[in-house]
Amino acid sequence: MKFHVPDMSCGHCKAAIDSSVKGADSSAKLEFDMDNRTVDIESQLPAGKILEALKTAGYDAAQQAA
């Protein structure tokens, strides 16, 4: 699943997102594209739960089409 995170801009952002998503699913795999402000997330969780985790980390996000 790919998510656009418009406010993601630095290493701190990546760490906060990584921590929050892995707090919800410890086996999640994340790949960050800082230039395009997107994150690809492999997880067993549904997109809604991932969006909640991103919100918990302090970031509004939107799922992008595959």
N, C-alpha and C. Protein backbone atom coordinates (compact mmCIF):
# COMPACT_ATOMS: atom_id res chain seq x y z
N MET A 1 0.85 -1.17 0.00
CA MET A 1 0.00 0.00 0.00
C MET A 1 0.89 1.23 0.00
N LYS A 2 0.53 2.20 -0.80
CA LYS A 2 1.30 3.44 -0.87
C LYS A 2 0.46 4.57 -0.30
N PHE A 3 1.14 5.39 0.52
CA PHE A 3 0.47 6.52 1.15
C PHE A 3 1.23 7.80 0.87
N HIS A 4 0.50 8.85 0.56
CA HIS A 4 1.09 10.18 0.39
C HIS A 4 1.01 10.89 1.73
N VAL A 5 2.17 11.35 2.21
CA VAL A 5 2.25 12.02 3.51
C VAL A 5 2.87 13.40 3.25
N PRO A 6 2.03 14.41 2.95
CA PRO A 6 2.55 15.70 2.49
C PRO A 6 3.48 16.41 3.48
N ASP A 7 3.31 16.19 4.77
CA ASP A 7 4.13 16.89 5.77
C ASP A 7 5.40 16.13 6.13
N MET A 8 5.67 14.99 5.52
CA MET A 8 6.87 14.21 5.81
C MET A 8 8.06 14.86 5.10
N SER A 9 9.06 15.29 5.89
CA SER A 9 10.14 16.03 5.25
C SER A 9 11.54 15.72 5.78
N CYS A 10 11.65 14.91 6.83
CA CYS A 10 12.98 14.72 7.42
C CYS A 10 13.11 13.35 8.09
N GLY A 11 14.29 13.10 8.61
CA GLY A 11 14.53 11.84 9.29
C GLY A 11 13.67 11.65 10.52
N HIS A 12 13.37 12.73 11.22
CA HIS A 12 12.49 12.64 12.39
C HIS A 12 11.11 12.17 11.97
N CYS A 13 10.63 12.69 10.84
CA CYS A 13 9.32 12.27 10.31
C CYS A 13 9.32 10.77 10.04
N LYS A 14 10.38 10.30 9.37
CA LYS A 14 10.49 8.88 9.05
C LYS A 14 10.47 8.04 10.33
N ALA A 15 11.23 8.47 11.33
CA ALA A 15 11.32 7.70 12.58
C ALA A 15 9.97 7.65 13.28
N ALA A 16 9.25 8.77 13.30
CA ALA A 16 7.94 8.81 13.97
C ALA A 16 6.94 7.91 13.25
N ILE A 17 6.95 7.95 11.92
CA ILE A 17 6.04 7.12 11.13
C ILE A 17 6.40 5.64 11.30
N ASP A 18 7.67 5.32 11.20
CA ASP A 18 8.13 3.95 11.36
C ASP A 18 7.72 3.39 12.72
N SER A 19 7.95 4.17 13.76
CA SER A 19 7.63 3.73 15.12
C SER A 19 6.13 3.50 15.29
N SER A 20 5.33 4.41 14.79
CA SER A 20 3.88 4.30 14.96
C SER A 20 3.30 3.12 14.18
N VAL A 21 3.73 2.95 12.93
CA VAL A 21 3.22 1.84 12.11
C VAL A 21 3.67 0.51 12.71
N LYS A 22 4.94 0.42 13.10
CA LYS A 22 5.42 -0.83 13.69
C LYS A 22 4.84 -1.09 15.06
N GLY A 23 4.37 -0.05 15.73
CA GLY A 23 3.65 -0.23 16.99
C GLY A 23 2.32 -0.92 16.77
N ALA A 24 1.72 -0.68 15.60
CA ALA A 24 0.45 -1.32 15.25
C ALA A 24 0.66 -2.68 14.61
N ASP A 25 1.76 -2.85 13.88
CA ASP A 25 2.08 -4.11 13.21
C ASP A 25 3.61 -4.26 13.21
N SER A 26 4.13 -5.02 14.14
CA SER A 26 5.57 -5.13 14.30
C SER A 26 6.27 -5.75 13.09
N SER A 27 5.51 -6.45 12.25
CA SER A 27 6.13 -7.08 11.07
C SER A 27 6.02 -6.21 9.82
N ALA A 28 5.50 -5.00 9.96
CA ALA A 28 5.34 -4.11 8.80
C ALA A 28 6.70 -3.73 8.22
N LYS A 29 6.72 -3.57 6.89
CA LYS A 29 7.93 -3.13 6.19
C LYS A 29 7.60 -1.80 5.51
N LEU A 30 8.46 -0.81 5.72
CA LEU A 30 8.23 0.52 5.18
C LEU A 30 9.36 0.94 4.27
N GLU A 31 9.01 1.57 3.15
CA GLU A 31 9.99 2.15 2.23
C GLU A 31 9.58 3.60 2.00
N PHE A 32 10.51 4.50 2.28
CA PHE A 32 10.21 5.93 2.20
C PHE A 32 10.75 6.54 0.92
N ASP A 33 9.97 7.42 0.30
CA ASP A 33 10.40 8.23 -0.83
C ASP A 33 10.22 9.68 -0.40
N MET A 34 11.29 10.25 0.13
CA MET A 34 11.20 11.60 0.69
C MET A 34 10.95 12.65 -0.40
N ASP A 35 11.49 12.45 -1.59
CA ASP A 35 11.30 13.43 -2.66
C ASP A 35 9.82 13.57 -3.03
N ASN A 36 9.12 12.44 -3.09
CA ASN A 36 7.71 12.46 -3.45
C ASN A 36 6.78 12.43 -2.24
N ARG A 37 7.39 12.37 -1.06
CA ARG A 37 6.64 12.34 0.21
C ARG A 37 5.63 11.20 0.25
N THR A 38 6.13 10.02 -0.11
CA THR A 38 5.29 8.83 -0.05
C THR A 38 5.99 7.76 0.77
N VAL A 39 5.19 6.84 1.26
CA VAL A 39 5.73 5.68 1.96
C VAL A 39 4.97 4.44 1.50
N ASP A 40 5.72 3.42 1.09
CA ASP A 40 5.14 2.12 0.75
C ASP A 40 5.17 1.28 2.01
N ILE A 41 4.04 0.70 2.34
CA ILE A 41 3.96 -0.09 3.58
C ILE A 41 3.40 -1.47 3.26
N GLU A 42 4.18 -2.49 3.63
CA GLU A 42 3.71 -3.87 3.56
C GLU A 42 3.25 -4.23 4.96
N SER A 43 1.97 -4.57 5.10
CA SER A 43 1.42 -4.86 6.41
C SER A 43 0.20 -5.77 6.26
N GLN A 44 -0.07 -6.50 7.33
CA GLN A 44 -1.28 -7.31 7.37
C GLN A 44 -2.51 -6.47 7.75
N LEU A 45 -2.25 -5.24 8.20
CA LEU A 45 -3.35 -4.37 8.62
C LEU A 45 -4.06 -3.78 7.40
N PRO A 46 -5.36 -3.51 7.54
CA PRO A 46 -6.07 -2.82 6.46
C PRO A 46 -5.62 -1.36 6.37
N ALA A 47 -5.85 -0.74 5.23
CA ALA A 47 -5.41 0.64 4.99
C ALA A 47 -5.92 1.59 6.07
N GLY A 48 -7.14 1.39 6.53
CA GLY A 48 -7.70 2.27 7.56
C GLY A 48 -6.88 2.27 8.84
N LYS A 49 -6.38 1.12 9.23
CA LYS A 49 -5.56 1.02 10.44
C LYS A 49 -4.20 1.69 10.23
N ILE A 50 -3.65 1.57 9.03
CA ILE A 50 -2.39 2.24 8.72
C ILE A 50 -2.59 3.75 8.78
N LEU A 51 -3.69 4.24 8.21
CA LEU A 51 -3.98 5.67 8.25
C LEU A 51 -4.12 6.15 9.70
N GLU A 52 -4.73 5.33 10.56
CA GLU A 52 -4.84 5.68 11.99
C GLU A 52 -3.45 5.78 12.61
N ALA A 53 -2.57 4.85 12.28
CA ALA A 53 -1.21 4.86 12.83
C ALA A 53 -0.46 6.10 12.36
N LEU A 54 -0.64 6.48 11.10
CA LEU A 54 0.00 7.68 10.60
C LEU A 54 -0.53 8.92 11.31
N LYS A 55 -1.83 8.94 11.55
CA LYS A 55 -2.46 10.06 12.27
C LYS A 55 -1.92 10.13 13.70
N THR A 56 -1.76 8.97 14.34
CA THR A 56 -1.21 8.91 15.69
C THR A 56 0.21 9.49 15.72
N ALA A 57 0.96 9.27 14.64
CA ALA A 57 2.32 9.79 14.55
C ALA A 57 2.32 11.30 14.29
N GLY A 58 1.14 11.85 13.97
CA GLY A 58 1.02 13.28 13.76
C GLY A 58 0.98 13.69 12.30
N TYR A 59 0.67 12.74 11.41
CA TYR A 59 0.70 13.03 9.98
C TYR A 59 -0.62 12.66 9.32
N ASP A 60 -1.17 13.64 8.59
CA ASP A 60 -2.31 13.34 7.73
C ASP A 60 -1.77 12.68 6.48
N ALA A 61 -2.47 11.68 6.01
CA ALA A 61 -2.01 10.94 4.84
C ALA A 61 -3.21 10.50 4.02
N ALA A 62 -2.94 10.14 2.79
CA ALA A 62 -3.96 9.61 1.90
C ALA A 62 -3.39 8.40 1.18
N GLN A 63 -4.22 7.37 1.06
CA GLN A 63 -3.77 6.19 0.33
C GLN A 63 -3.77 6.52 -1.16
N GLN A 64 -2.72 6.06 -1.85
CA GLN A 64 -2.63 6.26 -3.29
C GLN A 64 -2.99 4.98 -4.02
N ALA A 65 -3.51 5.15 -5.21
CA ALA A 65 -3.82 3.98 -6.04
C ALA A 65 -2.53 3.24 -6.37
N ALA A 66 -2.65 1.94 -6.48
CA ALA A 66 -1.46 1.11 -6.78
C ALA A 66 -0.95 1.35 -8.16
